[in-house]
Amino acid sequence: MEYIFSKLKGDKWIWIIVILLSIWSLLAVYSSVGTLAYKEGKGTELYLFKHLFIVVAGLALMYLSHKLDYRYYAGISKLLMVITIPLLLYTLVFGSKVNEASRWLTIPVINQTFQTSDLAKLALITFLARMLSRKQEEIKDVKKSFIPIMGAVCFVFVLIAWANLSTALMLFGVSVLLLLIGRISFKQIAVVCMGGGVLLMLVIFLGPRRATYLSRIQGFFNTEQVHDGKTSFQDDKNYQANNAKIAIATGEMFGKGVGNSVQRNVLPHPYSDFIFAIIIEEYGTIGGAVLLFLYIALMYRCIRIVTLSPRAFGAFLAAGLGFSLTIQALANMAVAVGLGPVTGVPLPLVSMGGTSILFTSVALGIILSVSRNVEELKVKEEKEVVKAPRKVVVGTI
């Protein structure tokens, strides 16, 4: 173990958290894919090995991305934006449609789906970090800084929101947080939020998924309705949320035990969107609290990297990517426990998925690259202090 960690640079606690989440993911996914395997006539082991392959591939990408100096990502961010925007447009027009939403592209030959919004999150955050770090001297200038930065944010927001509103809202929130850290004026940020609100209303009331959005919002704020003097649950609107609550309630403090979930046979997506509810059912409230603690600890380590980074670009990178992962995790958990409307957002590093795990791993690798640079600079400074000649003061006693 000591040899392995000697090869891993950057914050060791982040590596430990990622490994723990990956192991937990394998257990949770294997426990919750029984119904999916039955429907498709396949063995659960097949899904386990497929998920294991994705997890290992994610760890490999994380290792490779953390070996690359984070300053190279400034140049890569421009290329990512050039690739991302056409891909988002292409996905809206020609993407695979599921529940009236075009979110996926099918990769030829291997026939695997690819969610372009995962690439867009990484591209926009790295691009914002680059722009904010380079525009600090003229950050209050509307033409030189504000319009180029917010033009990119709003354009990507609309392209994602048209088919994936929850992801777009989280990315917009992370962007606003980065603007606050980047010293954009409160007046300009208020204008951004007003503009984002207008775009949000247009997407909700005019977008192709307006019926789904309105149904979920109405279902969240009105969980019961009265028919002929009797109260009944709105099964169509709150079916997933109600069964997630049952899973959490029956899990109690210590859970039913690994592999003993009952609601996994009822929930439509127990291995992805509602995996947190299955984890609480099997591991109890204590298990859910431990998982929450791991994500909070991850955010704390990212904030620590931000405070130690000597360069603005590294600080913005670690902050933006750290906030993105943590907010996504909290959003998934909030939906599972009934604190928010159903969103379809996976739990980072835990939910079963392909591109989500891979791009999350790359994001963590970039954060670790910033941390690695901080450690190398610290070691360099310590060596310079040791090598510095000591001054001998001669005086009389």
Protein backbone atom coordinates (compact mmCIF):
# COMPACT_ATOMS: atom_id res chain seq x y z
CA MET A 1 0.00 0.00 0.00
CA GLU A 2 2.85 2.39 0.84
CA TYR A 3 4.43 1.67 -2.56
CA ILE A 4 1.13 2.45 -4.34
CA PHE A 5 0.69 5.78 -2.55
CA SER A 6 4.28 6.69 -3.33
CA LYS A 7 3.31 6.62 -7.02
CA LEU A 8 0.21 8.74 -6.47
CA LYS A 9 0.87 12.46 -6.24
CA GLY A 10 -1.39 15.16 -4.91
CA ASP A 11 -3.74 15.09 -1.93
CA LYS A 12 -3.65 11.55 -0.48
CA TRP A 13 -6.99 12.02 1.25
CA ILE A 14 -8.70 12.62 -2.09
CA TRP A 15 -7.21 9.36 -3.38
CA ILE A 16 -8.50 7.54 -0.30
CA ILE A 17 -11.99 9.04 -0.65
CA VAL A 18 -12.15 8.09 -4.34
CA ILE A 19 -11.05 4.50 -3.62
CA LEU A 20 -13.65 4.17 -0.84
CA LEU A 21 -16.43 5.54 -3.07
CA SER A 22 -15.38 3.22 -5.91
CA ILE A 23 -15.52 0.12 -3.68
CA TRP A 24 -18.88 1.22 -2.27
CA SER A 25 -20.12 1.78 -5.82
CA LEU A 26 -19.31 -1.81 -6.81
CA LEU A 27 -21.24 -3.17 -3.82
CA ALA A 28 -24.24 -0.87 -4.32
CA VAL A 29 -24.52 -1.41 -8.09
CA TYR A 30 -24.21 -5.20 -7.79
CA SER A 31 -26.95 -5.15 -5.16
CA SER A 32 -29.35 -3.01 -7.21
CA VAL A 33 -29.16 -4.31 -10.80
CA GLY A 34 -31.19 -7.48 -10.22
CA THR A 35 -34.38 -6.13 -11.80
CA LEU A 36 -32.49 -4.70 -14.78
CA ALA A 37 -30.73 -8.03 -15.31
CA TYR A 38 -34.06 -9.88 -15.13
CA LYS A 39 -35.72 -7.57 -17.67
CA GLU A 40 -32.87 -7.94 -20.15
CA GLY A 41 -32.35 -11.63 -19.48
CA LYS A 42 -28.74 -11.26 -18.34
CA GLY A 43 -26.83 -12.18 -15.22
CA THR A 44 -26.09 -9.60 -12.54
CA GLU A 45 -22.40 -10.55 -12.75
CA LEU A 46 -22.29 -9.17 -16.28
CA TYR A 47 -23.33 -5.72 -15.02
CA LEU A 48 -20.88 -5.98 -12.14
CA PHE A 49 -17.93 -6.71 -14.45
CA LYS A 50 -19.02 -3.97 -16.85
CA HIS A 51 -19.22 -1.49 -13.99
CA LEU A 52 -15.88 -2.70 -12.63
CA PHE A 53 -14.31 -2.06 -16.04
CA ILE A 54 -15.70 1.52 -16.07
CA VAL A 55 -14.46 2.14 -12.50
CA VAL A 56 -10.96 0.86 -13.33
CA ALA A 57 -10.93 2.91 -16.55
CA GLY A 58 -11.96 5.97 -14.52
CA LEU A 59 -9.14 5.44 -12.03
CA ALA A 60 -6.70 5.09 -14.94
CA LEU A 61 -7.93 8.37 -16.46
CA MET A 62 -7.68 10.00 -13.06
CA TYR A 63 -4.07 8.85 -12.72
CA LEU A 64 -3.14 10.05 -16.24
CA SER A 65 -4.85 13.43 -15.87
CA HIS A 66 -3.19 14.07 -12.50
CA LYS A 67 0.26 13.41 -14.04
CA LEU A 68 -0.26 16.24 -16.56
CA ASP A 69 0.67 19.71 -15.32
CA TYR A 70 -2.61 21.51 -14.68
CA ARG A 71 -1.43 24.60 -16.60
CA TYR A 72 -1.78 22.64 -19.84
CA TYR A 73 -5.54 22.46 -19.20
CA ALA A 74 -5.78 26.20 -19.90
CA GLY A 75 -4.97 25.54 -23.54
CA ILE A 76 -7.01 22.34 -23.63
CA SER A 77 -10.07 24.24 -22.38
CA LYS A 78 -10.25 26.27 -25.61
CA LEU A 79 -10.21 23.08 -27.67
CA LEU A 80 -12.84 21.50 -25.43
CA MET A 81 -15.18 24.47 -25.93
CA VAL A 82 -14.70 24.33 -29.70
CA ILE A 83 -15.63 20.63 -29.64
CA THR A 84 -18.39 20.85 -27.01
CA ILE A 85 -20.70 23.45 -28.54
CA PRO A 86 -21.10 21.68 -31.93
CA LEU A 87 -21.56 18.37 -30.08
CA LEU A 88 -24.35 19.84 -27.92
CA LEU A 89 -26.09 21.21 -31.02
CA TYR A 90 -25.70 17.89 -32.82
CA THR A 91 -27.07 16.02 -29.80
CA LEU A 92 -30.19 18.20 -29.69
CA VAL A 93 -30.95 17.48 -33.34
CA PHE A 94 -29.65 13.95 -33.94
CA GLY A 95 -29.11 12.52 -30.45
CA SER A 96 -30.79 9.40 -29.08
CA LYS A 97 -34.15 10.39 -27.57
CA VAL A 98 -35.17 8.98 -24.20
CA ASN A 99 -38.27 10.43 -22.46
CA GLU A 100 -38.45 13.25 -25.04
CA ALA A 101 -34.88 14.28 -24.22
CA SER A 102 -31.93 14.18 -26.63
CA ARG A 103 -28.98 13.83 -24.25
CA TRP A 104 -26.95 11.00 -25.71
CA LEU A 105 -24.89 10.29 -28.77
CA THR A 106 -24.17 6.72 -29.80
CA ILE A 107 -20.49 6.07 -30.50
CA PRO A 108 -20.08 4.03 -33.70
CA VAL A 109 -18.42 0.60 -33.69
CA ILE A 110 -18.56 0.10 -29.89
CA ASN A 111 -22.26 1.12 -29.84
CA GLN A 112 -21.99 2.91 -26.48
CA THR A 113 -23.94 6.02 -25.52
CA PHE A 114 -22.13 9.23 -24.70
CA GLN A 115 -23.74 12.06 -22.70
CA THR A 116 -22.40 15.32 -24.11
CA SER A 117 -23.40 17.36 -21.04
CA ASP A 118 -20.68 15.55 -19.05
CA LEU A 119 -18.07 16.88 -21.47
CA ALA A 120 -19.73 20.32 -21.43
CA LYS A 121 -19.40 20.60 -17.63
CA LEU A 122 -15.68 19.90 -17.76
CA ALA A 123 -15.17 22.19 -20.75
CA LEU A 124 -17.06 25.18 -19.33
CA ILE A 125 -15.49 25.05 -15.86
CA THR A 126 -11.92 24.82 -17.23
CA PHE A 127 -12.71 27.59 -19.72
CA LEU A 128 -14.13 29.85 -16.99
CA ALA A 129 -11.08 29.20 -14.80
CA ARG A 130 -8.82 30.22 -17.67
CA MET A 131 -10.81 33.36 -18.52
CA LEU A 132 -11.17 34.54 -14.92
CA SER A 133 -7.47 34.04 -14.16
CA ARG A 134 -6.35 35.92 -17.28
CA LYS A 135 -8.85 38.79 -16.97
CA GLN A 136 -8.21 39.71 -13.33
CA GLU A 137 -6.63 43.07 -14.18
CA GLU A 138 -9.69 44.09 -16.22
CA ILE A 139 -12.30 41.94 -14.50
CA LYS A 140 -14.74 44.86 -14.05
CA ASP A 141 -14.64 45.73 -17.76
CA VAL A 142 -17.98 44.80 -19.33
CA LYS A 143 -16.79 44.45 -22.93
CA LYS A 144 -13.45 42.76 -22.30
CA SER A 145 -14.42 40.42 -19.48
CA PHE A 146 -18.09 40.23 -18.57
CA ILE A 147 -19.64 39.73 -22.03
CA PRO A 148 -17.16 37.05 -23.25
CA ILE A 149 -17.41 35.11 -19.98
CA MET A 150 -21.18 35.26 -19.62
CA GLY A 151 -21.74 34.69 -23.32
CA ALA A 152 -20.09 31.27 -22.96
CA VAL A 153 -22.00 30.46 -19.74
CA CYS A 154 -25.45 31.39 -21.08
CA PHE A 155 -24.93 29.71 -24.45
CA VAL A 156 -23.84 26.39 -22.90
CA PHE A 157 -26.64 26.70 -20.30
CA VAL A 158 -29.35 26.95 -22.97
CA LEU A 159 -27.93 24.09 -25.05
CA ILE A 160 -27.85 21.76 -22.04
CA ALA A 161 -31.10 22.97 -20.43
CA TRP A 162 -33.15 22.23 -23.55
CA ALA A 163 -32.79 18.50 -22.81
CA ASN A 164 -31.22 18.31 -19.32
CA LEU A 165 -32.44 21.12 -17.09
CA SER A 166 -31.11 19.80 -13.78
CA THR A 167 -27.53 19.50 -15.06
CA ALA A 168 -27.76 22.96 -16.65
CA LEU A 169 -28.98 24.55 -13.40
CA MET A 170 -26.16 22.98 -11.38
CA LEU A 171 -23.57 24.10 -13.94
CA PHE A 172 -25.04 27.61 -13.91
CA GLY A 173 -24.84 27.66 -10.10
CA VAL A 174 -21.18 26.58 -10.16
CA SER A 175 -20.48 29.29 -12.75
CA VAL A 176 -22.01 31.96 -10.49
CA LEU A 177 -19.88 30.72 -7.57
CA LEU A 178 -16.77 31.00 -9.74
CA LEU A 179 -17.78 34.54 -10.73
CA LEU A 180 -18.06 35.48 -7.06
CA ILE A 181 -14.61 34.03 -6.34
CA GLY A 182 -13.28 35.72 -9.49
CA ARG A 183 -14.28 39.23 -8.23
CA ILE A 184 -17.04 39.87 -10.76
CA SER A 185 -19.16 42.71 -9.32
CA PHE A 186 -22.41 41.90 -7.52
CA LYS A 187 -24.30 44.13 -9.94
CA GLN A 188 -23.07 42.11 -12.91
CA ILE A 189 -23.80 38.82 -11.13
CA ALA A 190 -27.35 40.07 -10.42
CA VAL A 191 -27.76 40.74 -14.15
CA VAL A 192 -26.50 37.22 -14.87
CA CYS A 193 -29.00 35.68 -12.45
CA MET A 194 -31.87 37.68 -13.95
CA GLY A 195 -30.86 36.60 -17.42
CA GLY A 196 -30.55 33.00 -16.25
CA GLY A 197 -34.02 33.22 -14.72
CA VAL A 198 -35.50 34.41 -18.02
CA LEU A 199 -33.79 31.59 -19.92
CA LEU A 200 -35.01 29.11 -17.29
CA MET A 201 -38.64 30.21 -17.73
CA LEU A 202 -38.32 29.92 -21.51
CA VAL A 203 -36.99 26.38 -21.23
CA ILE A 204 -39.64 25.30 -18.69
CA PHE A 205 -42.63 26.74 -20.55
CA LEU A 206 -41.48 26.47 -24.18
CA GLY A 207 -38.98 23.61 -24.22
CA PRO A 208 -39.69 20.11 -25.56
CA ARG A 209 -39.85 18.67 -22.02
CA ARG A 210 -42.11 21.35 -20.55
CA ALA A 211 -44.79 18.79 -19.61
CA THR A 212 -42.23 16.70 -17.69
CA TYR A 213 -40.76 19.73 -15.89
CA LEU A 214 -44.15 21.09 -14.86
CA SER A 215 -45.32 17.65 -13.72
CA ARG A 216 -42.25 17.16 -11.52
CA ILE A 217 -42.52 20.63 -10.00
CA GLN A 218 -46.24 20.22 -9.31
CA GLY A 219 -45.67 16.76 -7.88
CA PHE A 220 -42.95 18.04 -5.53
CA PHE A 221 -45.03 20.91 -4.14
CA ASN A 222 -48.31 18.98 -4.07
CA THR A 223 -47.70 15.40 -2.95
CA GLU A 224 -51.35 14.72 -2.19
CA GLN A 225 -54.62 15.42 -3.94
CA VAL A 226 -58.25 14.96 -2.90
CA HIS A 227 -60.81 12.96 -4.90
CA ASP A 228 -64.39 12.71 -3.60
CA GLY A 229 -63.30 13.71 -0.13
CA LYS A 230 -60.53 11.10 0.00
CA THR A 231 -56.80 11.77 -0.06
CA SER A 232 -54.68 9.73 -2.47
CA PHE A 233 -51.06 9.85 -3.55
CA GLN A 234 -50.31 11.03 -7.07
CA ASP A 235 -48.75 7.77 -8.20
CA ASP A 236 -47.86 8.99 -11.70
CA LYS A 237 -45.98 12.06 -10.51
CA ASN A 238 -44.45 10.84 -7.26
CA TYR A 239 -44.03 7.12 -7.81
CA GLN A 240 -40.23 7.23 -7.69
CA ALA A 241 -40.02 9.72 -4.83
CA ASN A 242 -42.55 7.81 -2.69
CA ASN A 243 -40.76 4.48 -3.10
CA ALA A 244 -37.43 6.15 -2.32
CA LYS A 245 -38.92 7.41 0.93
CA ILE A 246 -40.12 3.89 1.74
CA ALA A 247 -36.60 2.56 1.19
CA ILE A 248 -35.14 5.21 3.50
CA ALA A 249 -37.80 4.73 6.19
CA THR A 250 -37.44 0.94 6.28
CA GLY A 251 -33.65 1.16 6.41
CA GLU A 252 -33.89 2.75 9.86
CA MET A 253 -30.63 3.34 11.74
CA PHE A 254 -28.53 0.30 10.82
CA GLY A 255 -30.14 -0.89 7.57
CA LYS A 256 -31.31 -4.28 6.35
CA GLY A 257 -27.85 -5.49 5.40
CA VAL A 258 -25.90 -5.61 2.16
CA GLY A 259 -27.97 -7.12 -0.67
CA ASN A 260 -31.23 -7.15 1.32
CA SER A 261 -32.96 -4.17 -0.28
CA VAL A 262 -36.63 -4.63 -1.16
CA GLN A 263 -37.29 -1.33 -2.95
CA ARG A 264 -34.62 -2.10 -5.55
CA ASN A 265 -37.30 -4.29 -7.14
CA VAL A 266 -39.76 -1.39 -7.27
CA LEU A 267 -37.75 1.75 -8.06
CA PRO A 268 -37.23 2.31 -11.82
CA HIS A 269 -33.55 3.33 -11.50
CA PRO A 270 -32.19 2.00 -8.18
CA TYR A 271 -28.67 1.66 -9.62
CA SER A 272 -28.34 5.29 -10.76
CA ASP A 273 -30.76 8.10 -9.88
CA PHE A 274 -31.97 6.57 -6.59
CA ILE A 275 -28.94 4.58 -5.51
CA PHE A 276 -28.62 6.71 -2.36
CA ALA A 277 -32.06 5.49 -1.20
CA ILE A 278 -30.96 1.87 -1.72
CA ILE A 279 -27.73 2.55 0.20
CA ILE A 280 -29.69 3.90 3.18
CA GLU A 281 -32.09 0.94 3.01
CA GLU A 282 -29.17 -1.52 3.16
CA TYR A 283 -26.65 0.40 5.29
CA GLY A 284 -29.08 2.47 7.34
CA THR A 285 -28.99 6.14 8.30
CA ILE A 286 -25.45 5.63 9.56
CA GLY A 287 -24.35 4.44 6.11
CA GLY A 288 -26.01 7.42 4.44
CA ALA A 289 -24.32 9.79 6.89
CA VAL A 290 -20.91 8.21 6.21
CA LEU A 291 -21.43 8.63 2.45
CA LEU A 292 -22.45 12.27 2.94
CA PHE A 293 -19.36 12.82 5.10
CA LEU A 294 -17.11 11.47 2.32
CA TYR A 295 -18.42 14.05 -0.15
CA ILE A 296 -18.13 16.88 2.38
CA ALA A 297 -14.58 15.75 3.15
CA LEU A 298 -13.85 15.78 -0.59
CA MET A 299 -15.07 19.37 -0.83
CA TYR A 300 -13.01 20.34 2.20
CA ARG A 301 -9.84 18.94 0.61
CA CYS A 302 -10.63 20.83 -2.60
CA ILE A 303 -11.07 24.08 -0.67
CA ARG A 304 -7.76 23.44 1.06
CA ILE A 305 -6.10 23.07 -2.36
CA VAL A 306 -7.70 26.37 -3.42
CA THR A 307 -6.24 28.20 -0.41
CA LEU A 308 -2.76 26.74 -0.99
CA SER A 309 -2.59 27.23 -4.77
CA PRO A 310 -0.20 30.10 -5.61
CA ARG A 311 -1.76 30.70 -9.04
CA ALA A 312 -5.27 31.93 -9.80
CA PHE A 313 -5.90 29.40 -12.57
CA GLY A 314 -5.21 26.44 -10.27
CA ALA A 315 -7.40 27.89 -7.53
CA PHE A 316 -10.31 28.48 -9.94
CA LEU A 317 -9.92 24.97 -11.38
CA ALA A 318 -9.97 23.24 -7.99
CA ALA A 319 -12.88 25.40 -6.78
CA GLY A 320 -15.05 24.98 -9.87
CA LEU A 321 -14.54 21.24 -10.28
CA GLY A 322 -14.85 20.63 -6.53
CA PHE A 323 -18.10 22.60 -6.28
CA SER A 324 -19.47 20.82 -9.36
CA LEU A 325 -18.92 17.33 -7.93
CA THR A 326 -20.19 18.21 -4.45
CA ILE A 327 -23.31 20.05 -5.64
CA GLN A 328 -24.17 17.13 -7.92
CA ALA A 329 -23.80 14.69 -5.02
CA LEU A 330 -25.95 16.83 -2.72
CA ALA A 331 -28.60 17.23 -5.45
CA ASN A 332 -28.83 13.45 -5.93
CA MET A 333 -29.12 12.89 -2.17
CA ALA A 334 -31.70 15.68 -1.81
CA VAL A 335 -33.94 14.06 -4.44
CA ALA A 336 -33.64 10.64 -2.76
CA VAL A 337 -34.75 11.99 0.64
CA GLY A 338 -37.53 14.15 -0.81
CA LEU A 339 -35.90 17.58 -0.50
CA GLY A 340 -36.10 18.29 -4.23
CA PRO A 341 -38.01 17.29 -7.39
CA VAL A 342 -36.83 14.28 -9.39
CA THR A 343 -33.86 15.31 -11.56
CA GLY A 344 -32.17 12.21 -12.98
CA VAL A 345 -28.74 13.33 -11.75
CA PRO A 346 -26.37 10.43 -10.88
CA LEU A 347 -24.38 10.20 -7.65
CA PRO A 348 -20.74 10.93 -8.60
CA LEU A 349 -18.47 7.85 -8.57
CA VAL A 350 -21.23 5.70 -7.05
CA SER A 351 -24.10 5.47 -9.55
CA MET A 352 -23.78 3.04 -12.43
CA GLY A 353 -22.84 4.86 -15.60
CA GLY A 354 -20.23 5.27 -18.29
CA THR A 355 -19.39 8.85 -19.23
CA SER A 356 -20.41 10.21 -15.82
CA ILE A 357 -17.77 8.15 -14.00
CA LEU A 358 -15.11 8.76 -16.64
CA PHE A 359 -15.50 12.55 -16.72
CA THR A 360 -15.82 12.71 -12.94
CA SER A 361 -12.51 10.83 -12.73
CA VAL A 362 -10.86 13.28 -15.14
CA ALA A 363 -12.16 16.22 -13.07
CA LEU A 364 -10.70 14.70 -9.90
CA GLY A 365 -7.43 14.07 -11.75
CA ILE A 366 -7.24 17.77 -12.67
CA ILE A 367 -7.85 18.74 -9.03
CA LEU A 368 -5.06 16.37 -7.98
CA SER A 369 -2.80 17.90 -10.64
CA VAL A 370 -3.25 21.28 -8.94
CA SER A 371 -2.53 19.64 -5.57
CA ARG A 372 0.58 17.94 -7.00
CA ASN A 373 1.87 21.32 -8.18
CA VAL A 374 1.30 22.79 -4.71
CA GLU A 375 3.27 19.94 -3.12
CA GLU A 376 6.14 20.28 -5.61
CA LEU A 377 6.40 24.02 -4.99
CA LYS A 378 6.43 23.42 -1.23
CA VAL A 379 9.25 20.87 -1.55
CA LYS A 380 11.18 23.26 -3.80
CA GLU A 381 10.83 26.10 -1.30
CA GLU A 382 12.02 23.86 1.54
CA LYS A 383 15.09 22.85 -0.46
CA GLU A 384 15.90 26.49 -1.24
CA VAL A 385 15.65 27.34 2.46
CA VAL A 386 18.08 24.51 3.33
CA LYS A 387 20.54 25.55 0.61
CA ALA A 388 20.43 29.24 1.51
CA PRO A 389 23.67 30.32 3.23
CA ARG A 390 23.29 31.16 6.89
CA LYS A 391 24.44 34.59 8.01
CA VAL A 392 26.87 34.58 10.92
CA VAL A 393 26.56 37.59 13.20
CA VAL A 394 29.74 38.44 15.11
CA GLY A 395 29.32 40.63 18.10
CA THR A 396 30.51 41.30 21.58
CA ILE A 397 28.95 39.88 24.68
